[in-house]
Amino acid sequence: MIVDVVMPKMGESIMEGTIIEWKIGVGEAIQQDETLLEISTDKVDSEIPSPATGTLTEILFEPNSTVEVGAVIAPQRDLRVVLPYHEGMLLLRHKIG
């Protein structure tokens, strides 16, 4: 299964975030809840955890890219079904693939 990692909503009035740094590269494995990337908004900088244990399959936005909340920023291959985090955390969309 592919889990789409999306730009999280970090506050009620936050509409976009800037990717500061990816902590892993394409093809690298990561455990659920390990830091996947760092983002910055006009109000807060935050480390974003991986939504699942898996492998990062693609990076859609490079560091210093500003991305709308809810936009897919990276697909991650995962063999388990993953439920979304609670509101305000990382949101997920699921694709069967």
Protein backbone atom coordinates (compact mmCIF):
# COMPACT_ATOMS: atom_id res chain seq x y z
CA MET A 1 0.00 0.00 0.00
CA ILE A 2 1.15 3.54 -0.69
CA VAL A 3 0.50 6.14 2.00
CA ASP A 4 0.49 9.73 0.77
CA VAL A 5 2.27 11.98 3.25
CA VAL A 6 0.64 15.42 3.12
CA MET A 7 1.61 18.84 4.44
CA PRO A 8 0.02 18.93 7.90
CA LYS A 9 -2.14 21.73 9.23
CA MET A 10 -0.17 23.26 12.08
CA GLY A 11 -2.74 25.83 13.20
CA GLU A 12 -6.18 27.22 12.38
CA SER A 13 -4.88 30.10 10.27
CA ILE A 14 -1.90 28.27 8.72
CA MET A 15 -2.46 27.67 5.00
CA GLU A 16 1.03 26.58 3.91
CA GLY A 17 4.36 25.37 5.20
CA THR A 18 7.95 25.39 4.00
CA ILE A 19 9.98 22.19 3.91
CA ILE A 20 13.22 22.79 5.77
CA GLU A 21 14.89 19.38 5.57
CA TRP A 22 14.10 15.77 4.70
CA LYS A 23 15.62 13.46 7.32
CA ILE A 24 15.73 10.44 4.98
CA GLY A 25 16.18 9.98 1.26
CA VAL A 26 14.26 8.14 -1.43
CA GLY A 27 14.56 4.37 -1.01
CA GLU A 28 15.50 4.60 2.66
CA ALA A 29 13.53 2.78 5.32
CA ILE A 30 11.93 4.58 8.24
CA GLN A 31 10.05 3.49 11.35
CA GLN A 32 6.65 4.85 12.31
CA ASP A 33 6.97 8.01 14.43
CA GLU A 34 10.63 8.63 13.45
CA THR A 35 11.21 12.16 12.17
CA LEU A 36 10.57 12.20 8.41
CA LEU A 37 11.07 15.92 7.74
CA GLU A 38 11.17 19.37 9.30
CA ILE A 39 8.78 22.10 8.24
CA SER A 40 8.41 25.79 9.03
CA THR A 41 5.34 28.03 9.06
CA ASP A 42 4.98 31.69 9.91
CA LYS A 43 4.15 30.62 13.49
CA VAL A 44 6.07 27.43 14.27
CA ASP A 45 8.87 25.10 13.15
CA SER A 46 8.10 21.42 13.61
CA GLU A 47 9.50 17.92 13.11
CA ILE A 48 6.97 15.74 11.27
CA PRO A 49 6.90 12.03 12.16
CA SER A 50 6.57 9.23 9.67
CA PRO A 51 2.95 8.03 9.56
CA ALA A 52 4.03 4.41 9.07
CA THR A 53 6.95 2.03 9.01
CA GLY A 54 8.00 1.79 5.39
CA THR A 55 10.18 3.13 2.60
CA LEU A 56 10.10 6.63 1.17
CA THR A 57 9.36 6.12 -2.52
CA GLU A 58 9.52 9.70 -3.84
CA ILE A 59 10.09 13.27 -2.67
CA LEU A 60 7.74 15.65 -4.46
CA PHE A 61 9.07 18.92 -2.96
CA GLU A 62 12.68 19.86 -2.24
CA PRO A 63 13.85 21.84 0.81
CA ASN A 64 12.81 25.52 0.76
CA SER A 65 9.64 24.66 -1.19
CA THR A 66 6.48 26.27 0.17
CA VAL A 67 3.54 23.88 0.00
CA GLU A 68 -0.19 24.26 0.69
CA VAL A 69 -1.65 22.44 3.68
CA GLY A 70 -3.11 19.12 2.53
CA ALA A 71 -0.89 18.80 -0.57
CA VAL A 72 0.86 15.45 -1.05
CA ILE A 73 4.57 15.91 -0.33
CA ALA A 74 5.78 12.30 -0.54
CA PRO A 75 4.40 8.81 -1.12
CA GLN A 76 5.60 6.15 1.31
CA ARG A 77 5.32 2.40 0.70
CA ASP A 78 3.77 0.56 3.65
CA LEU A 79 2.47 -2.97 3.88
CA ARG A 80 0.08 -2.24 6.75
CA VAL A 81 -3.13 -0.24 6.91
CA VAL A 82 -2.47 3.07 8.64
CA LEU A 83 -5.08 5.23 10.29
CA PRO A 84 -4.84 9.05 10.15
CA TYR A 85 -3.39 10.92 13.10
CA HIS A 86 -5.77 13.06 15.09
CA GLU A 87 -6.64 16.53 13.74
CA GLY A 88 -3.69 18.90 13.73
CA MET A 89 -1.19 16.13 13.11
CA LEU A 90 -0.15 14.44 9.89
CA LEU A 91 -3.07 13.58 7.62
CA LEU A 92 -3.03 10.56 5.34
CA ARG A 93 -4.73 9.42 2.17
CA HIS A 94 -4.60 5.76 1.20
CA LYS A 95 -4.07 4.27 -2.24
CA ILE A 96 -4.15 0.60 -3.05
CA GLY A 97 -1.08 -0.15 -5.11
